[in-house]
């Protein structure tokens, strides 16, 4: 085993144990066949798997051992300042995989860990999955295939379209239904399992990860809203989800609910301004007066002069406006 260390990153190259690749990787045959698509002919790295990790010493080795092993697949583990033996467990992984471990010097949160992984990923398709053992790597094909086939730019794993092997708390299901219906009403997208962290996306949608406002668990919902507003194709795909065998969730429901409310409100206001103000073929900002008059927010404004005085949160960009 060769370990190269720096202040920011640990790169790990792990040697094979004879027979492991053939016995543990056969179920990824369909995925490996997809990677032979001619569109990837000149690409060195096709898939990046990003795994945020915080104190998962009991599960991280098993998660990594089960991941696909292919020269065009890299694995990035972002250690969000774990205080247990998670990093030592990674060194015990047996297969020869492209594994990079990037460590935060302080705990930054779930979303921040994924953002770090995205910034360091080189794949055309990026996958995020949890390090607690609840996600099954066999389902990577379910998330990746629609992107390769051009059916989606962004896929989200759903236990409701697939299967989950545990009793779901009523409070969790009611909360997800509330978010699902809110997003469906105000953004026109129906995502049942909107907080699931097992996702995949085409590299071309990376701009949605710029200027992220919520770096905790509301980050999952913010991605959906930003992708929706930017017009990307979103698809929910069936996956299997297992119960946590070790530890417990770090989610504080009251805090998550508050952040989700703020997130949805903020992007709904952004959606309002996209509906009311649009650019014409010359790139100028056009005011749609019929829509404008229907909105209580703008009802008493004189369009040319007073629009510039309104709080900028309601606009696509600052002046100049049409005069």
C-alpha atoms as a PDB file:
ATOM      1  CA  UNK A   1       0.000   0.000   0.000  1.00  0.00           C
ATOM      2  CA  UNK A   2       1.300   3.402  -0.981  1.00  0.00           C
ATOM      3  CA  UNK A   3       0.038   6.458   0.893  1.00  0.00           C
ATOM      4  CA  UNK A   4       0.944   9.962  -0.263  1.00  0.00           C
ATOM      5  CA  UNK A   5       0.004  12.650   2.252  1.00  0.00           C
ATOM      6  CA  UNK A   6      -0.316  16.400   2.063  1.00  0.00           C
ATOM      7  CA  UNK A   7      -1.950  19.042   4.218  1.00  0.00           C
ATOM      8  CA  UNK A   8      -5.119  18.909   2.130  1.00  0.00           C
ATOM      9  CA  UNK A   9      -5.456  15.429   0.713  1.00  0.00           C
ATOM     10  CA  UNK A  10      -4.588  11.766   1.189  1.00  0.00           C
ATOM     11  CA  UNK A  11      -4.327   9.618  -1.927  1.00  0.00           C
ATOM     12  CA  UNK A  12      -4.615   5.877  -1.428  1.00  0.00           C
ATOM     13  CA  UNK A  13      -3.808   3.113  -3.893  1.00  0.00           C
ATOM     14  CA  UNK A  14      -4.813  -0.321  -2.620  1.00  0.00           C
ATOM     15  CA  UNK A  15      -3.599  -3.673  -3.924  1.00  0.00           C
ATOM     16  CA  UNK A  16      -5.803  -6.529  -5.026  1.00  0.00           C
ATOM     17  CA  UNK A  17      -6.323  -9.712  -3.106  1.00  0.00           C
ATOM     18  CA  UNK A  18      -6.400 -12.546  -5.621  1.00  0.00           C
ATOM     19  CA  UNK A  19      -9.932 -13.407  -6.699  1.00  0.00           C
ATOM     20  CA  UNK A  20     -11.613 -10.396  -5.091  1.00  0.00           C
ATOM     21  CA  UNK A  21     -12.274  -8.535  -8.322  1.00  0.00           C
ATOM     22  CA  UNK A  22     -13.946 -11.497 -10.023  1.00  0.00           C
ATOM     23  CA  UNK A  23     -16.028 -12.548  -7.011  1.00  0.00           C
ATOM     24  CA  UNK A  24     -17.189  -9.082  -5.937  1.00  0.00           C
ATOM     25  CA  UNK A  25     -17.503  -7.225  -9.229  1.00  0.00           C
ATOM     26  CA  UNK A  26     -19.557  -9.506 -11.494  1.00  0.00           C
ATOM     27  CA  UNK A  27     -22.814  -7.721 -10.576  1.00  0.00           C
ATOM     28  CA  UNK A  28     -21.409  -4.498 -12.079  1.00  0.00           C
ATOM     29  CA  UNK A  29     -21.163  -6.063 -15.542  1.00  0.00           C
ATOM     30  CA  UNK A  30     -24.010  -3.935 -16.964  1.00  0.00           C
ATOM     31  CA  UNK A  31     -22.446  -0.774 -15.551  1.00  0.00           C
ATOM     32  CA  UNK A  32     -19.056  -1.623 -17.045  1.00  0.00           C
ATOM     33  CA  UNK A  33     -20.696  -2.247 -20.420  1.00  0.00           C
ATOM     34  CA  UNK A  34     -22.256   1.233 -20.296  1.00  0.00           C
ATOM     35  CA  UNK A  35     -18.821   2.728 -19.735  1.00  0.00           C
ATOM     36  CA  UNK A  36     -17.824   1.396 -23.168  1.00  0.00           C
ATOM     37  CA  UNK A  37     -20.243   3.828 -24.830  1.00  0.00           C
ATOM     38  CA  UNK A  38     -18.454   5.497 -27.802  1.00  0.00           C
ATOM     39  CA  UNK A  39     -19.255   8.946 -26.378  1.00  0.00           C
ATOM     40  CA  UNK A  40     -16.681   8.236 -23.635  1.00  0.00           C
ATOM     41  CA  UNK A  41     -13.946   7.122 -26.038  1.00  0.00           C
ATOM     42  CA  UNK A  42     -11.592  10.019 -25.285  1.00  0.00           C
ATOM     43  CA  UNK A  43     -12.432  10.367 -21.591  1.00  0.00           C
ATOM     44  CA  UNK A  44     -10.039   9.131 -18.928  1.00  0.00           C
ATOM     45  CA  UNK A  45     -12.431   9.390 -15.975  1.00  0.00           C
ATOM     46  CA  UNK A  46     -16.130   8.740 -16.572  1.00  0.00           C
ATOM     47  CA  UNK A  47     -17.659   8.368 -13.106  1.00  0.00           C
ATOM     48  CA  UNK A  48     -16.783  10.054  -9.808  1.00  0.00           C
ATOM     49  CA  UNK A  49     -18.397   8.605  -6.675  1.00  0.00           C
ATOM     50  CA  UNK A  50     -18.463  11.170  -3.863  1.00  0.00           C
ATOM     51  CA  UNK A  51     -18.991   9.951  -0.300  1.00  0.00           C
ATOM     52  CA  UNK A  52     -19.289  12.438   2.587  1.00  0.00           C
ATOM     53  CA  UNK A  53     -18.143  10.829   5.841  1.00  0.00           C
ATOM     54  CA  UNK A  54     -18.427  11.774   9.494  1.00  0.00           C
ATOM     55  CA  UNK A  55     -17.649   9.205  12.201  1.00  0.00           C
ATOM     56  CA  UNK A  56     -18.563   6.070  10.220  1.00  0.00           C
ATOM     57  CA  UNK A  57     -15.818   3.696  11.378  1.00  0.00           C
ATOM     58  CA  UNK A  58     -18.269   0.780  11.508  1.00  0.00           C
ATOM     59  CA  UNK A  59     -19.512   1.104   7.940  1.00  0.00           C
ATOM     60  CA  UNK A  60     -17.077   2.949   5.659  1.00  0.00           C
ATOM     61  CA  UNK A  61     -14.876  -0.069   4.869  1.00  0.00           C
ATOM     62  CA  UNK A  62     -17.891  -2.191   3.897  1.00  0.00           C
ATOM     63  CA  UNK A  63     -19.275   0.619   1.734  1.00  0.00           C
ATOM     64  CA  UNK A  64     -15.972   1.032  -0.123  1.00  0.00           C
ATOM     65  CA  UNK A  65     -15.440  -2.725  -0.529  1.00  0.00           C
ATOM     66  CA  UNK A  66     -18.808  -3.002  -2.294  1.00  0.00           C
ATOM     67  CA  UNK A  67     -18.197  -0.191  -4.789  1.00  0.00           C
ATOM     68  CA  UNK A  68     -17.352  -0.883  -8.453  1.00  0.00           C
ATOM     69  CA  UNK A  69     -13.713  -1.323  -9.396  1.00  0.00           C
ATOM     70  CA  UNK A  70     -12.938   0.153 -12.815  1.00  0.00           C
ATOM     71  CA  UNK A  71     -10.155   2.277 -14.272  1.00  0.00           C
ATOM     72  CA  UNK A  72     -12.711   4.902 -15.345  1.00  0.00           C
ATOM     73  CA  UNK A  73     -14.319   5.189 -11.907  1.00  0.00           C
ATOM     74  CA  UNK A  74     -12.807   7.272  -9.105  1.00  0.00           C
ATOM     75  CA  UNK A  75     -13.985   7.287  -5.496  1.00  0.00           C
ATOM     76  CA  UNK A  76     -13.690  10.430  -3.390  1.00  0.00           C
ATOM     77  CA  UNK A  77     -14.287  10.212   0.358  1.00  0.00           C
ATOM     78  CA  UNK A  78     -14.644  13.588   2.062  1.00  0.00           C
ATOM     79  CA  UNK A  79     -13.898  13.244   5.766  1.00  0.00           C
ATOM     80  CA  UNK A  80     -15.827  15.982   7.549  1.00  0.00           C
ATOM     81  CA  UNK A  81     -13.413  16.035  10.518  1.00  0.00           C
ATOM     82  CA  UNK A  82     -14.231  12.589  11.922  1.00  0.00           C
ATOM     83  CA  UNK A  83     -13.079  11.967  15.490  1.00  0.00           C
ATOM     84  CA  UNK A  84     -13.223   8.156  15.388  1.00  0.00           C
ATOM     85  CA  UNK A  85     -11.211   5.571  13.415  1.00  0.00           C
ATOM     86  CA  UNK A  86     -12.969   6.087  10.066  1.00  0.00           C
ATOM     87  CA  UNK A  87      -9.743   7.008   8.250  1.00  0.00           C
ATOM     88  CA  UNK A  88      -7.948   3.917   9.531  1.00  0.00           C
ATOM     89  CA  UNK A  89     -10.784   1.721   8.285  1.00  0.00           C
ATOM     90  CA  UNK A  90     -10.378   3.100   4.764  1.00  0.00           C
ATOM     91  CA  UNK A  91      -6.795   1.786   4.692  1.00  0.00           C
ATOM     92  CA  UNK A  92      -8.179  -1.751   5.122  1.00  0.00           C
ATOM     93  CA  UNK A  93     -10.144  -1.710   1.865  1.00  0.00           C
ATOM     94  CA  UNK A  94      -9.024  -4.684  -0.210  1.00  0.00           C
ATOM     95  CA  UNK A  95      -9.678  -3.851  -3.873  1.00  0.00           C
ATOM     96  CA  UNK A  96      -7.486  -1.864  -6.208  1.00  0.00           C
ATOM     97  CA  UNK A  97      -9.631   1.238  -6.585  1.00  0.00           C
ATOM     98  CA  UNK A  98      -9.062   4.908  -7.346  1.00  0.00           C
ATOM     99  CA  UNK A  99      -9.698   6.207  -3.822  1.00  0.00           C
ATOM    100  CA  UNK A 100      -8.978   9.741  -2.711  1.00  0.00           C
ATOM    101  CA  UNK A 101      -9.591  10.905   0.836  1.00  0.00           C
ATOM    102  CA  UNK A 102      -9.939  14.629   1.405  1.00  0.00           C
ATOM    103  CA  UNK A 103     -10.171  15.860   4.985  1.00  0.00           C
ATOM    104  CA  UNK A 104     -11.827  18.950   6.403  1.00  0.00           C
ATOM    105  CA  UNK A 105      -9.886  20.583   9.225  1.00  0.00           C
ATOM    106  CA  UNK A 106     -13.187  21.449  10.912  1.00  0.00           C
ATOM    107  CA  UNK A 107     -16.663  19.949  10.702  1.00  0.00           C
ATOM    108  CA  UNK A 108     -18.504  21.861   7.933  1.00  0.00           C
ATOM    109  CA  UNK A 109     -21.658  19.834   7.402  1.00  0.00           C
ATOM    110  CA  UNK A 110     -23.136  17.385   4.914  1.00  0.00           C
ATOM    111  CA  UNK A 111     -23.576  19.772   1.980  1.00  0.00           C
ATOM    112  CA  UNK A 112     -20.143  21.313   2.406  1.00  0.00           C
ATOM    113  CA  UNK A 113     -18.558  17.839   2.294  1.00  0.00           C
ATOM    114  CA  UNK A 114     -20.294  17.046  -1.002  1.00  0.00           C
ATOM    115  CA  UNK A 115     -19.255  20.411  -2.443  1.00  0.00           C
ATOM    116  CA  UNK A 116     -15.635  19.617  -1.578  1.00  0.00           C
ATOM    117  CA  UNK A 117     -15.977  16.303  -3.399  1.00  0.00           C
ATOM    118  CA  UNK A 118     -17.512  17.957  -6.456  1.00  0.00           C
ATOM    119  CA  UNK A 119     -14.705  20.520  -6.658  1.00  0.00           C
ATOM    120  CA  UNK A 120     -12.147  17.712  -6.711  1.00  0.00           C
ATOM    121  CA  UNK A 121     -14.009  15.280  -8.989  1.00  0.00           C
ATOM    122  CA  UNK A 122     -12.936  14.744 -12.595  1.00  0.00           C
ATOM    123  CA  UNK A 123     -15.679  12.423 -13.884  1.00  0.00           C
ATOM    124  CA  UNK A 124     -18.255  13.242 -16.546  1.00  0.00           C
ATOM    125  CA  UNK A 125     -20.960  11.763 -14.312  1.00  0.00           C
ATOM    126  CA  UNK A 126     -20.868  12.338 -10.555  1.00  0.00           C
ATOM    127  CA  UNK A 127     -22.602  10.215  -7.954  1.00  0.00           C
ATOM    128  CA  UNK A 128     -23.204  11.069  -4.309  1.00  0.00           C
ATOM    129  CA  UNK A 129     -24.010   8.389  -1.755  1.00  0.00           C
ATOM    130  CA  UNK A 130     -23.951   8.109   2.022  1.00  0.00           C
ATOM    131  CA  UNK A 131     -21.273   6.408   4.092  1.00  0.00           C
ATOM    132  CA  UNK A 132     -23.629   4.823   6.655  1.00  0.00           C
ATOM    133  CA  UNK A 133     -24.348   1.679   4.627  1.00  0.00           C
ATOM    134  CA  UNK A 134     -27.973   2.483   3.773  1.00  0.00           C
ATOM    135  CA  UNK A 135     -27.357   2.650   0.010  1.00  0.00           C
ATOM    136  CA  UNK A 136     -26.642  -0.331  -2.220  1.00  0.00           C
ATOM    137  CA  UNK A 137     -23.914   0.245  -4.860  1.00  0.00           C
ATOM    138  CA  UNK A 138     -25.767  -2.193  -7.152  1.00  0.00           C
ATOM    139  CA  UNK A 139     -28.250   0.658  -7.738  1.00  0.00           C
ATOM    140  CA  UNK A 140     -25.620   2.906  -9.324  1.00  0.00           C
ATOM    141  CA  UNK A 141     -26.713   1.537 -12.711  1.00  0.00           C
ATOM    142  CA  UNK A 142     -30.275   2.713 -12.026  1.00  0.00           C
ATOM    143  CA  UNK A 143     -29.047   6.280 -11.495  1.00  0.00           C
ATOM    144  CA  UNK A 144     -26.395   6.418 -14.219  1.00  0.00           C
ATOM    145  CA  UNK A 145     -28.199   4.780 -17.154  1.00  0.00           C
ATOM    146  CA  UNK A 146     -30.827   7.553 -17.668  1.00  0.00           C
ATOM    147  CA  UNK A 147     -28.012  10.123 -17.815  1.00  0.00           C
ATOM    148  CA  UNK A 148     -25.958   8.150 -20.323  1.00  0.00           C
ATOM    149  CA  UNK A 149     -29.091   7.512 -22.421  1.00  0.00           C
ATOM    150  CA  UNK A 150     -29.928  11.231 -22.415  1.00  0.00           C
ATOM    151  CA  UNK A 151     -33.192  10.817 -20.489  1.00  0.00           C
ATOM    152  CA  UNK A 152     -32.044  12.944 -17.553  1.00  0.00           C
ATOM    153  CA  UNK A 153     -29.389  15.405 -16.457  1.00  0.00           C
ATOM    154  CA  UNK A 154     -29.948  14.716 -12.782  1.00  0.00           C
ATOM    155  CA  UNK A 155     -31.257  11.549 -11.111  1.00  0.00           C
ATOM    156  CA  UNK A 156     -32.434  11.020  -7.544  1.00  0.00           C
ATOM    157  CA  UNK A 157     -32.718   7.643  -5.839  1.00  0.00           C
ATOM    158  CA  UNK A 158     -36.145   6.876  -4.376  1.00  0.00           C
ATOM    159  CA  UNK A 159     -37.020   4.251  -1.807  1.00  0.00           C
ATOM    160  CA  UNK A 160     -40.702   4.750  -2.719  1.00  0.00           C
ATOM    161  CA  UNK A 161     -40.133   3.719  -6.332  1.00  0.00           C
ATOM    162  CA  UNK A 162     -37.844   0.939  -5.097  1.00  0.00           C
ATOM    163  CA  UNK A 163     -37.730  -0.779  -1.702  1.00  0.00           C
ATOM    164  CA  UNK A 164     -36.797   0.091   1.874  1.00  0.00           C
ATOM    165  CA  UNK A 165     -36.067  -2.528   4.514  1.00  0.00           C
ATOM    166  CA  UNK A 166     -37.062  -0.796   7.729  1.00  0.00           C
ATOM    167  CA  UNK A 167     -40.033   0.837   9.397  1.00  0.00           C
ATOM    168  CA  UNK A 168     -40.275   4.462   8.323  1.00  0.00           C
ATOM    169  CA  UNK A 169     -41.279   6.907  11.104  1.00  0.00           C
ATOM    170  CA  UNK A 170     -44.632   8.568  10.434  1.00  0.00           C
ATOM    171  CA  UNK A 171     -43.092  12.006  11.080  1.00  0.00           C
ATOM    172  CA  UNK A 172     -40.476  11.403   8.378  1.00  0.00           C
ATOM    173  CA  UNK A 173     -43.049  10.332   5.785  1.00  0.00           C
ATOM    174  CA  UNK A 174     -45.403  13.230   6.579  1.00  0.00           C
ATOM    175  CA  UNK A 175     -42.509  15.674   6.315  1.00  0.00           C
ATOM    176  CA  UNK A 176     -41.470  14.288   2.936  1.00  0.00           C
ATOM    177  CA  UNK A 177     -45.043  14.419   1.629  1.00  0.00           C
ATOM    178  CA  UNK A 178     -45.304  18.054   2.699  1.00  0.00           C
ATOM    179  CA  UNK A 179     -42.060  18.936   0.880  1.00  0.00           C
ATOM    180  CA  UNK A 180     -43.073  16.831  -2.123  1.00  0.00           C
ATOM    181  CA  UNK A 181     -46.414  18.621  -2.524  1.00  0.00           C
ATOM    182  CA  UNK A 182     -44.890  22.064  -1.928  1.00  0.00           C
ATOM    183  CA  UNK A 183     -42.243  21.530  -4.605  1.00  0.00           C
ATOM    184  CA  UNK A 184     -44.847  20.077  -6.966  1.00  0.00           C
ATOM    185  CA  UNK A 185     -47.205  23.050  -6.534  1.00  0.00           C
ATOM    186  CA  UNK A 186     -44.639  25.848  -6.677  1.00  0.00           C
ATOM    187  CA  UNK A 187     -41.964  24.345  -8.961  1.00  0.00           C
ATOM    188  CA  UNK A 188     -43.820  21.754 -11.038  1.00  0.00           C
ATOM    189  CA  UNK A 189     -41.567  18.829 -10.021  1.00  0.00           C
ATOM    190  CA  UNK A 190     -42.737  15.776  -8.106  1.00  0.00           C
ATOM    191  CA  UNK A 191     -39.896  14.202  -6.119  1.00  0.00           C
ATOM    192  CA  UNK A 192     -41.159  11.786  -3.477  1.00  0.00           C
ATOM    193  CA  UNK A 193     -37.858  10.954  -1.760  1.00  0.00           C
ATOM    194  CA  UNK A 194     -36.521  14.517  -1.891  1.00  0.00           C
ATOM    195  CA  UNK A 195     -34.010  14.157   0.958  1.00  0.00           C
ATOM    196  CA  UNK A 196     -32.300  11.032  -0.344  1.00  0.00           C
ATOM    197  CA  UNK A 197     -28.541  11.552  -0.749  1.00  0.00           C
ATOM    198  CA  UNK A 198     -28.040   8.818  -3.388  1.00  0.00           C
ATOM    199  CA  UNK A 199     -27.971  10.849  -6.625  1.00  0.00           C
ATOM    200  CA  UNK A 200     -26.193  11.211  -9.947  1.00  0.00           C
ATOM    201  CA  UNK A 201     -25.743  14.139 -12.295  1.00  0.00           C
ATOM    202  CA  UNK A 202     -24.103  15.111 -15.537  1.00  0.00           C
ATOM    203  CA  UNK A 203     -21.076  17.356 -15.194  1.00  0.00           C
ATOM    204  CA  UNK A 204     -22.804  19.982 -17.340  1.00  0.00           C
ATOM    205  CA  UNK A 205     -25.166  20.879 -14.472  1.00  0.00           C
ATOM    206  CA  UNK A 206     -22.329  21.838 -12.102  1.00  0.00           C
ATOM    207  CA  UNK A 207     -23.402  25.528 -12.159  1.00  0.00           C
ATOM    208  CA  UNK A 208     -26.288  24.600  -9.820  1.00  0.00           C
ATOM    209  CA  UNK A 209     -23.683  24.032  -7.111  1.00  0.00           C
ATOM    210  CA  UNK A 210     -22.424  27.610  -7.319  1.00  0.00           C
ATOM    211  CA  UNK A 211     -23.564  30.016  -4.604  1.00  0.00           C
ATOM    212  CA  UNK A 212     -25.157  27.296  -2.476  1.00  0.00           C
ATOM    213  CA  UNK A 213     -27.010  28.849   0.487  1.00  0.00           C
ATOM    214  CA  UNK A 214     -27.728  25.763   2.597  1.00  0.00           C
ATOM    215  CA  UNK A 215     -24.788  23.477   3.360  1.00  0.00           C
ATOM    216  CA  UNK A 216     -26.547  21.264   5.900  1.00  0.00           C
ATOM    217  CA  UNK A 217     -29.159  18.623   5.023  1.00  0.00           C
ATOM    218  CA  UNK A 218     -31.411  21.196   3.288  1.00  0.00           C
ATOM    219  CA  UNK A 219     -28.682  21.057   0.628  1.00  0.00           C
ATOM    220  CA  UNK A 220     -30.509  18.057  -0.901  1.00  0.00           C
ATOM    221  CA  UNK A 221     -33.660  20.080  -1.522  1.00  0.00           C
ATOM    222  CA  UNK A 222     -31.749  23.150  -2.694  1.00  0.00           C
ATOM    223  CA  UNK A 223     -30.162  21.063  -5.475  1.00  0.00           C
ATOM    224  CA  UNK A 224     -33.602  20.052  -6.762  1.00  0.00           C
ATOM    225  CA  UNK A 225     -34.911  23.614  -6.764  1.00  0.00           C
ATOM    226  CA  UNK A 226     -31.856  25.038  -8.514  1.00  0.00           C
ATOM    227  CA  UNK A 227     -31.834  22.277 -11.143  1.00  0.00           C
ATOM    228  CA  UNK A 228     -35.551  22.830 -11.716  1.00  0.00           C
ATOM    229  CA  UNK A 229     -35.207  26.598 -12.127  1.00  0.00           C
ATOM    230  CA  UNK A 230     -32.323  26.120 -14.563  1.00  0.00           C
ATOM    231  CA  UNK A 231     -34.428  23.814 -16.742  1.00  0.00           C
ATOM    232  CA  UNK A 232     -32.455  20.578 -16.294  1.00  0.00           C
ATOM    233  CA  UNK A 233     -34.164  17.205 -16.733  1.00  0.00           C
ATOM    234  CA  UNK A 234     -34.724  15.548 -13.346  1.00  0.00           C
ATOM    235  CA  UNK A 235     -35.714  11.922 -12.895  1.00  0.00           C
ATOM    236  CA  UNK A 236     -36.452   9.900  -9.763  1.00  0.00           C
ATOM    237  CA  UNK A 237     -35.152   6.319  -9.975  1.00  0.00           C
ATOM    238  CA  UNK A 238     -35.850   3.182  -7.913  1.00  0.00           C
ATOM    239  CA  UNK A 239     -33.240   2.139  -5.359  1.00  0.00           C
ATOM    240  CA  UNK A 240     -33.016  -0.074  -2.288  1.00  0.00           C
ATOM    241  CA  UNK A 241     -32.483   1.581   1.105  1.00  0.00           C
ATOM    242  CA  UNK A 242     -31.434  -0.306   4.231  1.00  0.00           C
ATOM    243  CA  UNK A 243     -31.686   0.565   7.901  1.00  0.00           C
ATOM    244  CA  UNK A 244     -28.629   1.892   9.693  1.00  0.00           C
ATOM    245  CA  UNK A 245     -26.866  -0.992  11.425  1.00  0.00           C
ATOM    246  CA  UNK A 246     -24.593   1.267  13.470  1.00  0.00           C
ATOM    247  CA  UNK A 247     -24.932   4.715  14.981  1.00  0.00           C
ATOM    248  CA  UNK A 248     -27.807   7.116  14.431  1.00  0.00           C
ATOM    249  CA  UNK A 249     -28.739   9.919  12.077  1.00  0.00           C
ATOM    250  CA  UNK A 250     -27.199  13.349  12.681  1.00  0.00           C
ATOM    251  CA  UNK A 251     -30.316  15.127  11.397  1.00  0.00           C
ATOM    252  CA  UNK A 252     -32.105  17.458  13.838  1.00  0.00           C
ATOM    253  CA  UNK A 253     -35.652  17.491  12.466  1.00  0.00           C
ATOM    254  CA  UNK A 254     -36.696  20.898  13.828  1.00  0.00           C
ATOM    255  CA  UNK A 255     -33.572  22.537  12.394  1.00  0.00           C
ATOM    256  CA  UNK A 256     -34.010  20.755   9.069  1.00  0.00           C
ATOM    257  CA  UNK A 257     -37.673  21.807   8.818  1.00  0.00           C
ATOM    258  CA  UNK A 258     -36.771  25.451   9.431  1.00  0.00           C
ATOM    259  CA  UNK A 259     -33.993  25.412   6.832  1.00  0.00           C
ATOM    260  CA  UNK A 260     -36.234  23.661   4.296  1.00  0.00           C
ATOM    261  CA  UNK A 261     -38.888  26.343   4.755  1.00  0.00           C
ATOM    262  CA  UNK A 262     -36.327  29.090   4.191  1.00  0.00           C
ATOM    263  CA  UNK A 263     -34.878  27.275   1.195  1.00  0.00           C
ATOM    264  CA  UNK A 264     -38.217  26.777  -0.544  1.00  0.00           C
ATOM    265  CA  UNK A 265     -39.299  30.364   0.195  1.00  0.00           C
ATOM    266  CA  UNK A 266     -36.069  31.820  -1.184  1.00  0.00           C
ATOM    267  CA  UNK A 267     -36.212  29.864  -4.436  1.00  0.00           C
ATOM    268  CA  UNK A 268     -39.931  30.470  -4.857  1.00  0.00           C
ATOM    269  CA  UNK A 269     -39.222  34.211  -4.783  1.00  0.00           C
ATOM    270  CA  UNK A 270     -36.511  33.620  -7.351  1.00  0.00           C
ATOM    271  CA  UNK A 271     -38.982  31.704  -9.496  1.00  0.00           C
ATOM    272  CA  UNK A 272     -41.402  34.638  -9.303  1.00  0.00           C
ATOM    273  CA  UNK A 273     -38.892  37.027 -10.785  1.00  0.00           C
ATOM    274  CA  UNK A 274     -37.975  34.558 -13.544  1.00  0.00           C
ATOM    275  CA  UNK A 275     -41.644  34.358 -14.517  1.00  0.00           C
ATOM    276  CA  UNK A 276     -42.205  38.109 -14.488  1.00  0.00           C
ATOM    277  CA  UNK A 277     -38.906  39.310 -15.980  1.00  0.00           C
ATOM    278  CA  UNK A 278     -37.356  37.694 -19.035  1.00  0.00           C
ATOM    279  CA  UNK A 279     -34.644  38.608 -21.510  1.00  0.00           C
ATOM    280  CA  UNK A 280     -35.566  39.329 -25.112  1.00  0.00           C
ATOM    281  CA  UNK A 281     -33.504  38.304 -28.145  1.00  0.00           C
ATOM    282  CA  UNK A 282     -31.262  41.358 -27.711  1.00  0.00           C
ATOM    283  CA  UNK A 283     -30.422  40.358 -24.145  1.00  0.00           C
ATOM    284  CA  UNK A 284     -32.460  43.206 -22.651  1.00  0.00           C
ATOM    285  CA  UNK A 285     -34.661  42.595 -19.623  1.00  0.00           C
ATOM    286  CA  UNK A 286     -38.335  42.690 -20.607  1.00  0.00           C
ATOM    287  CA  UNK A 287     -41.198  43.390 -18.197  1.00  0.00           C
ATOM    288  CA  UNK A 288     -44.269  41.218 -18.707  1.00  0.00           C
ATOM    289  CA  UNK A 289     -46.878  43.784 -17.679  1.00  0.00           C
ATOM    290  CA  UNK A 290     -49.872  41.412 -17.615  1.00  0.00           C
ATOM    291  CA  UNK A 291     -48.127  39.127 -15.146  1.00  0.00           C
ATOM    292  CA  UNK A 292     -46.796  42.119 -13.260  1.00  0.00           C
ATOM    293  CA  UNK A 293     -50.237  43.573 -12.637  1.00  0.00           C
ATOM    294  CA  UNK A 294     -51.462  40.288 -11.163  1.00  0.00           C
ATOM    295  CA  UNK A 295     -48.785  40.272  -8.478  1.00  0.00           C
ATOM    296  CA  UNK A 296     -49.574  42.099  -5.236  1.00  0.00           C
ATOM    297  CA  UNK A 297     -45.866  42.699  -4.763  1.00  0.00           C
ATOM    298  CA  UNK A 298     -45.651  44.948  -7.852  1.00  0.00           C
ATOM    299  CA  UNK A 299     -49.238  46.226  -8.069  1.00  0.00           C
ATOM    300  CA  UNK A 300     -48.519  49.865  -7.184  1.00  0.00           C
ATOM    301  CA  UNK A 301     -45.183  50.281  -8.924  1.00  0.00           C
ATOM    302  CA  UNK A 302     -44.516  52.620 -11.834  1.00  0.00           C
ATOM    303  CA  UNK A 303     -42.560  50.226 -14.041  1.00  0.00           C
ATOM    304  CA  UNK A 304     -39.715  52.330 -15.416  1.00  0.00           C
ATOM    305  CA  UNK A 305     -38.742  54.318 -12.324  1.00  0.00           C
ATOM    306  CA  UNK A 306     -39.696  52.542  -9.135  1.00  0.00           C
ATOM    307  CA  UNK A 307     -38.675  49.000 -10.120  1.00  0.00           C
ATOM    308  CA  UNK A 308     -35.048  49.885  -9.456  1.00  0.00           C
ATOM    309  CA  UNK A 309     -35.870  50.717  -5.843  1.00  0.00           C
ATOM    310  CA  UNK A 310     -37.368  47.322  -5.015  1.00  0.00           C
ATOM    311  CA  UNK A 311     -35.230  44.879  -3.031  1.00  0.00           C
ATOM    312  CA  UNK A 312     -32.991  43.070  -5.540  1.00  0.00           C
ATOM    313  CA  UNK A 313     -34.100  39.626  -4.287  1.00  0.00           C
ATOM    314  CA  UNK A 314     -37.016  39.840  -6.729  1.00  0.00           C
ATOM    315  CA  UNK A 315     -34.920  40.394  -9.842  1.00  0.00           C
ATOM    316  CA  UNK A 316     -32.786  38.297 -12.162  1.00  0.00           C
ATOM    317  CA  UNK A 317     -30.128  40.978 -12.204  1.00  0.00           C
ATOM    318  CA  UNK A 318     -29.548  44.631 -11.395  1.00  0.00           C
ATOM    319  CA  UNK A 319     -30.426  47.474 -13.869  1.00  0.00           C
ATOM    320  CA  UNK A 320     -30.308  48.630 -16.652  1.00  0.00           C
ATOM    321  CA  UNK A 321     -34.017  48.026 -17.281  1.00  0.00           C
ATOM    322  CA  UNK A 322     -36.097  48.782 -20.354  1.00  0.00           C
ATOM    323  CA  UNK A 323     -37.116  52.461 -20.468  1.00  0.00           C
END
